[in-house]
Protein backbone atom coordinates (compact mmCIF):
# COMPACT_ATOMS: atom_id res chain seq x y z
CA MET A 1 -2.35 -37.20 -14.31
CA ARG A 2 -4.50 -35.57 -11.79
CA ILE A 3 -4.58 -31.99 -11.78
CA ASP A 4 -3.85 -31.49 -7.99
CA GLU A 5 -0.73 -33.74 -8.21
CA ALA A 6 0.42 -31.68 -10.97
CA ALA A 7 -0.06 -28.53 -9.57
CA GLU A 8 1.96 -29.70 -6.55
CA SER A 9 5.11 -30.46 -8.65
CA TYR A 10 4.79 -27.09 -10.56
CA THR A 11 4.59 -24.66 -7.18
CA ALA A 12 7.19 -26.94 -5.99
CA GLN A 13 9.19 -25.94 -8.94
CA LEU A 14 8.63 -22.26 -8.63
CA ARG A 15 9.67 -22.00 -5.05
CA ASP A 16 12.75 -24.44 -5.40
CA VAL A 17 14.08 -23.42 -9.21
CA ARG A 18 12.89 -20.39 -10.24
CA ARG A 19 13.08 -18.60 -6.54
CA LEU A 20 9.67 -16.82 -6.57
CA SER A 21 8.80 -15.66 -3.20
CA PRO A 22 6.83 -18.44 -0.37
CA ALA A 23 3.91 -15.61 -0.62
CA THR A 24 3.48 -16.00 -4.61
CA ALA A 25 4.14 -19.62 -4.85
CA ARG A 26 1.15 -20.49 -2.19
CA ALA A 27 -0.83 -17.95 -4.22
CA TYR A 28 -0.47 -19.78 -7.67
CA ARG A 29 -1.08 -22.91 -5.66
CA SER A 30 -4.22 -21.56 -4.05
CA ASP A 31 -5.21 -20.60 -7.70
CA LEU A 32 -4.19 -24.15 -9.01
CA ALA A 33 -6.46 -25.99 -6.40
CA ASP A 34 -9.29 -23.57 -7.19
CA LEU A 35 -8.82 -25.53 -11.10
CA ALA A 36 -8.20 -28.87 -9.71
CA ALA A 37 -12.10 -28.26 -7.48
CA SER A 38 -13.51 -26.90 -10.54
CA MET A 39 -12.41 -29.52 -13.17
CA GLY A 40 -13.57 -32.48 -10.93
CA ASP A 41 -12.21 -35.85 -11.98
CA VAL A 42 -10.86 -34.47 -15.57
CA PRO A 43 -7.44 -35.25 -16.19
CA VAL A 44 -4.77 -32.71 -16.69
CA GLU A 45 -3.88 -34.14 -20.16
CA ASP A 46 -7.75 -33.39 -20.97
CA VAL A 47 -8.36 -30.30 -19.66
CA ASP A 48 -9.27 -27.32 -22.74
CA LEU A 49 -9.43 -23.88 -23.15
CA GLU A 50 -13.24 -24.70 -22.37
CA HIS A 51 -12.71 -25.83 -19.32
CA LEU A 52 -10.24 -22.75 -18.46
CA ARG A 53 -12.91 -20.22 -19.47
CA GLU A 54 -15.52 -21.53 -17.97
CA TRP A 55 -13.28 -21.92 -14.83
CA LEU A 56 -12.80 -17.99 -15.35
CA TRP A 57 -16.52 -17.37 -15.60
CA ASN A 58 -17.43 -18.81 -12.35
CA ALA A 59 -15.15 -16.73 -10.87
CA THR A 60 -16.67 -13.59 -12.21
CA LYS A 61 -19.67 -14.82 -11.34
CA ARG A 62 -18.91 -15.31 -7.85
CA GLY A 63 -17.57 -11.81 -7.69
CA ASP A 64 -14.28 -12.42 -7.77
CA ALA A 65 -11.97 -9.20 -8.45
CA ARG A 66 -10.31 -8.51 -11.56
CA SER A 67 -6.63 -8.96 -10.15
CA THR A 68 -8.19 -12.09 -8.86
CA ILE A 69 -9.03 -13.81 -12.13
CA ALA A 70 -6.13 -11.97 -14.01
CA ARG A 71 -3.19 -13.95 -11.33
CA ARG A 72 -5.55 -16.77 -11.95
CA THR A 73 -5.02 -16.78 -15.49
CA ALA A 74 -1.49 -15.85 -15.59
CA ALA A 75 -1.15 -19.23 -12.85
CA ALA A 76 -3.08 -21.57 -15.54
CA ARG A 77 -0.84 -20.29 -18.64
CA GLY A 78 2.45 -21.04 -16.22
CA PHE A 79 1.28 -24.16 -15.39
CA PHE A 80 0.22 -25.62 -18.40
CA ALA A 81 3.13 -23.82 -20.42
CA TRP A 82 4.90 -25.78 -17.96
CA LEU A 83 3.52 -28.90 -18.30
CA THR A 84 3.78 -28.61 -22.09
CA GLU A 85 7.45 -28.47 -21.82
CA ALA A 86 7.89 -31.48 -19.42
CA GLY A 87 6.41 -33.51 -22.27
CA ILE A 88 3.36 -34.29 -19.86
CA ILE A 89 0.63 -33.04 -22.12
CA ALA A 90 1.02 -32.47 -26.15
CA SER A 91 -0.24 -29.08 -26.41
CA ASP A 92 -0.92 -26.09 -24.43
CA PRO A 93 -5.10 -25.28 -23.89
CA SER A 94 -4.22 -21.95 -22.24
CA LEU A 95 -1.96 -20.44 -25.51
CA ARG A 96 -5.56 -18.11 -26.19
CA LEU A 97 -6.75 -17.76 -22.46
CA VAL A 98 -7.11 -13.93 -21.97
CA ALA A 99 -6.89 -11.78 -18.47
CA PRO A 100 -8.91 -9.24 -17.99
CA LYS A 101 -7.89 -5.82 -17.76
CA ARG A 102 -6.61 -5.03 -14.09
CA GLY A 103 -8.31 -2.08 -12.93
CA ARG A 104 -5.24 0.35 -11.13
CA SER A 105 -7.37 1.61 -8.07
CA LEU A 106 -4.77 4.10 -5.84
CA PRO A 107 -3.53 2.67 -2.68
CA ALA A 108 -4.88 3.66 0.71
CA VAL A 109 -2.65 6.48 2.33
CA ALA A 110 -2.54 8.12 5.04
CA THR A 111 -1.27 12.04 5.18
CA ALA A 112 2.24 12.61 6.51
CA PRO A 113 0.94 14.38 9.63
CA ALA A 114 -2.06 11.50 10.52
CA VAL A 115 1.09 8.83 10.34
CA ALA A 116 3.21 11.07 12.61
CA THR A 117 0.18 11.67 14.92
CA LEU A 118 -0.22 7.79 15.05
CA LEU A 119 3.34 7.28 15.61
CA ASP A 120 4.07 9.47 18.41
CA GLU A 121 1.02 8.00 20.54
CA LEU A 122 2.23 4.88 19.87
CA GLY A 123 5.60 6.14 21.67
CA ARG A 124 4.00 7.87 24.37
CA ALA A 125 2.22 4.21 25.04
CA ALA A 126 4.96 2.30 24.81
CA ALA A 127 6.88 4.55 27.23
CA ALA A 128 4.79 2.44 29.90
CA GLY A 129 7.09 -0.15 29.33
CA ASP A 130 5.04 -3.33 28.25
CA PRO A 131 7.34 -4.94 26.02
CA VAL A 132 4.36 -5.68 22.97
CA ALA A 133 3.88 -1.95 23.03
CA LEU A 134 7.56 -1.18 22.68
CA ARG A 135 7.89 -3.85 19.51
CA ASP A 136 4.41 -2.47 17.86
CA HIS A 137 5.95 1.07 17.76
CA ALA A 138 9.07 -0.18 16.43
CA VAL A 139 7.46 -2.13 14.13
CA LEU A 140 5.30 0.27 12.73
CA GLU A 141 8.32 2.90 12.85
CA LEU A 142 10.48 0.90 11.00
CA LEU A 143 7.42 -0.20 8.15
CA TYR A 144 6.77 3.56 7.48
CA GLY A 145 10.49 4.56 8.05
CA ALA A 146 11.81 2.03 5.89
CA GLY A 147 9.31 1.22 3.42
CA ILE A 148 9.45 -2.13 3.37
CA ARG A 149 7.12 -5.48 3.29
CA VAL A 150 5.51 -7.11 5.79
CA SER A 151 7.36 -10.16 5.24
CA GLU A 152 10.88 -8.65 4.74
CA LEU A 153 10.07 -7.16 8.54
CA CYS A 154 9.13 -10.45 10.14
CA GLY A 155 12.78 -12.03 8.25
CA LEU A 156 14.99 -9.18 9.39
CA ASP A 157 17.51 -11.30 12.04
CA LEU A 158 19.52 -9.08 14.60
CA ASP A 159 22.43 -9.23 12.68
CA ASP A 160 20.68 -7.50 9.37
CA LEU A 161 20.62 -4.13 11.23
CA ASP A 162 23.20 -1.99 11.18
CA ARG A 163 22.43 0.92 14.16
CA ASP A 164 25.16 3.20 13.54
CA ARG A 165 24.26 3.83 9.75
CA GLN A 166 20.64 3.33 10.89
CA THR A 167 20.43 0.93 7.63
CA ALA A 168 18.56 -2.69 7.47
CA ARG A 169 19.73 -5.54 5.00
CA VAL A 170 16.33 -6.55 4.01
CA LEU A 171 15.53 -9.71 1.28
CA GLY A 172 12.62 -9.03 -1.16
CA LYS A 173 10.75 -10.61 -3.80
CA GLY A 174 13.01 -12.98 -5.34
CA SER A 175 15.15 -13.51 -2.61
CA LYS A 176 17.08 -9.98 -3.90
CA GLU A 177 18.64 -8.32 -1.31
CA ARG A 178 18.56 -4.83 -0.59
CA VAL A 179 19.59 -2.38 2.46
CA VAL A 180 17.49 0.53 3.19
CA PRO A 181 17.85 3.50 5.29
CA TYR A 182 15.33 4.52 8.27
CA GLY A 183 15.21 7.76 10.42
CA ARG A 184 15.64 8.99 13.60
CA PRO A 185 12.53 8.44 15.13
CA ALA A 186 12.48 4.39 13.91
CA ALA A 187 16.11 4.15 15.26
CA ILE A 188 15.17 5.40 18.35
CA ALA A 189 11.94 3.22 18.83
CA LEU A 190 14.63 0.24 17.71
CA ASP A 191 16.34 0.75 20.00
CA SER A 192 14.17 1.07 23.16
CA TYR A 193 12.50 -2.38 22.04
CA LEU A 194 15.62 -3.67 21.65
CA VAL A 195 16.79 -2.88 25.31
CA ARG A 196 13.81 -3.18 27.06
CA ALA A 197 11.29 -5.11 25.58
CA ARG A 198 12.94 -8.20 23.60
CA PRO A 199 14.77 -9.77 26.21
CA ALA A 200 11.46 -9.79 27.80
CA LEU A 201 9.49 -11.50 24.95
CA LEU A 202 12.37 -14.07 24.49
CA ALA A 203 12.15 -15.22 28.08
CA ARG A 204 8.70 -15.95 27.21
CA ALA A 205 9.90 -18.62 24.92
CA ASP A 206 11.78 -20.08 27.83
CA THR A 207 8.60 -19.94 29.91
CA THR A 208 7.18 -22.18 27.04
CA SER A 209 9.70 -24.32 26.34
CA GLY A 210 10.30 -25.30 29.68
CA GLY A 211 13.72 -23.67 29.64
CA SER A 212 15.83 -26.63 29.85
CA ALA A 213 19.12 -26.96 29.24
CA ALA A 214 18.31 -30.07 27.09
CA GLY A 215 15.69 -28.50 25.30
CA ALA A 216 18.11 -26.32 24.15
CA ALA A 217 21.04 -28.03 23.31
CA SER A 218 18.87 -30.41 21.28
CA GLY A 219 17.04 -27.39 19.66
CA VAL A 220 13.87 -28.64 20.56
CA GLY A 221 11.90 -25.51 21.52
CA ALA A 222 15.09 -23.39 21.42
CA PRO A 223 13.89 -19.45 21.31
CA PRO A 224 14.99 -17.91 17.92
CA THR A 225 17.75 -15.95 19.40
CA ARG A 226 18.67 -14.44 15.97
CA ALA A 227 14.97 -13.06 14.79
CA LEU A 228 14.74 -9.06 15.40
CA PHE A 229 11.10 -8.86 16.04
CA LEU A 230 9.43 -11.66 18.68
CA GLY A 231 5.64 -12.30 18.98
CA ALA A 232 4.27 -12.31 22.58
CA ARG A 233 4.95 -15.67 23.06
CA GLY A 234 8.84 -15.44 21.78
CA ARG A 235 9.07 -16.47 18.41
CA ARG A 236 9.39 -14.83 15.52
CA VAL A 237 6.72 -12.82 14.99
CA GLY A 238 4.03 -13.68 11.98
CA ALA A 239 2.78 -11.71 9.28
CA ARG A 240 -0.66 -12.27 10.81
CA ALA A 241 0.50 -10.51 13.91
CA VAL A 242 1.59 -7.65 12.16
CA TYR A 243 -1.28 -7.03 10.04
CA ASP A 244 -3.39 -6.73 13.19
CA VAL A 245 -1.26 -4.35 14.61
CA VAL A 246 -1.19 -2.02 11.61
CA ALA A 247 -5.73 -2.78 11.23
CA ARG A 248 -5.93 -1.57 14.56
CA THR A 249 -3.72 1.74 14.35
CA LEU A 250 -4.04 2.57 11.30
CA GLY A 251 -7.53 1.17 10.40
CA PRO A 252 -9.30 4.12 12.14
CA VAL A 253 -6.91 6.98 10.51
CA VAL A 254 -7.34 6.11 7.15
CA GLY A 255 -10.77 4.91 7.70
CA GLY A 256 -11.41 1.10 6.47
CA ASP A 257 -9.55 -2.51 6.66
CA VAL A 258 -5.96 -1.85 6.20
CA GLY A 259 -2.96 -3.61 6.53
CA PRO A 260 1.21 -3.22 6.45
CA HIS A 261 0.99 -2.33 2.97
CA ALA A 262 -0.95 0.97 3.93
CA LEU A 263 2.49 2.33 5.49
CA ARG A 264 4.79 1.25 2.45
CA HIS A 265 2.66 2.90 0.24
CA SER A 266 1.84 6.33 2.63
CA ALA A 267 6.15 6.07 2.59
CA ALA A 268 6.50 5.91 -1.01
CA THR A 269 3.71 8.70 -1.44
CA HIS A 270 5.60 10.88 1.15
CA LEU A 271 8.81 10.61 -0.22
CA LEU A 272 7.54 11.71 -3.23
CA ASP A 273 5.59 14.35 -2.71
CA GLY A 274 8.91 15.85 -0.42
CA GLY A 275 10.55 15.87 -3.79
CA ALA A 276 12.27 12.23 -4.10
CA ASP A 277 12.84 11.02 -7.54
CA LEU A 278 11.00 8.05 -8.87
CA ARG A 279 14.36 6.10 -9.42
CA THR A 280 15.39 6.80 -5.70
CA VAL A 281 11.90 5.52 -4.95
CA GLN A 282 11.82 2.24 -6.85
CA GLU A 283 15.07 1.69 -5.45
CA LEU A 284 14.19 2.17 -1.83
CA LEU A 285 10.95 0.09 -2.36
CA GLY A 286 12.67 -2.88 -4.41
CA HIS A 287 10.32 -2.97 -7.31
CA ALA A 288 12.23 -4.75 -10.38
CA SER A 289 9.76 -2.34 -12.95
CA LEU A 290 9.59 1.35 -12.57
CA GLY A 291 6.28 0.95 -13.94
CA THR A 292 4.78 -0.20 -10.40
CA THR A 293 6.43 2.74 -8.55
CA GLN A 294 4.64 5.13 -10.78
CA ILE A 295 1.03 4.78 -9.39
CA TYR A 296 2.45 6.61 -6.41
CA THR A 297 2.81 9.30 -9.10
CA HIS A 298 -0.97 9.04 -9.27
CA VAL A 299 -1.40 9.55 -5.72
CA SER A 300 0.27 12.61 -5.07
CA SER A 301 -1.54 13.97 -8.43
CA GLU A 302 -4.78 13.54 -6.61
CA ARG A 303 -3.65 15.08 -3.57
CA LEU A 304 -2.60 17.60 -6.01
CA ALA A 305 -6.13 18.18 -7.75
CA ALA A 306 -7.79 18.16 -4.25
CA THR A 307 -5.67 20.64 -3.18
CA TYR A 308 -6.45 22.96 -6.15
CA ARG A 309 -9.66 22.76 -6.36
CA LEU A 310 -10.15 23.01 -2.64
CA ALA A 311 -7.17 26.47 -2.19
CA HIS A 312 -7.49 28.14 -6.05
CA PRO A 313 -10.45 31.13 -6.13
CA ARG A 314 -11.14 29.81 -9.78
CA ALA A 315 -10.73 25.77 -9.62
């Protein structure tokens, strides 16, 4: 059997049976596609440990990050374990495949005053009434106010908001559902977006599809009326569009190429700085492991040490 054929079946199993997130399944599929390309015509039954080690070594020489190589190692081990269990191959060649230790880099974090200034500026810009500006302001307020992932934000429907309680129901990794709170600034931005911007964006979908009654009845070209956030053409907003908004607005504040996760990192760090306990932050972020949340304590410690060095007379 060809590696790419087996990889297609494996990633379908990850997605449909193990219920991994689409992003994780895509990442594993990409890793296995790279493996297939490096193996050439070698059938999956003939892949051995030396093939796999050479594949990872080539990735190292190419300059791939240690985290990427570690993920590729995990993808290969899961793939060959599944092949063995399914009886497709006689033995697992990846059992002695060792992943490099992941470097634990601190996430990019903006200061609380910097985020507040940025969001206030976006709010003033949105006050003019431009639908996209109103949407962008609401998007950033919710990303920071609730600490949610970009995939969770893009998947929100209108029914997922409880505007009275100021909570949102999101679907996280592994299809795990949780309810997260958001603050008053996010609530105000969301109300403005829903009243002043979303109807205008939705009308663009009608224009794009021709607005015909027949098209709406058949579902062809019908706008996604339940999606909370819409793109410039009236369709459900995509992760790429949100990345672009965050990079354009938050990038200059943090000083680098950042994405929506930087707002999530910042929200978690500011919660801990404000006295929230680690378990509460874990629940808010939807982390399966407390160890994942603990990296934010390192960020806070770094900030504490930097402040000490600047302020203490005998530092």
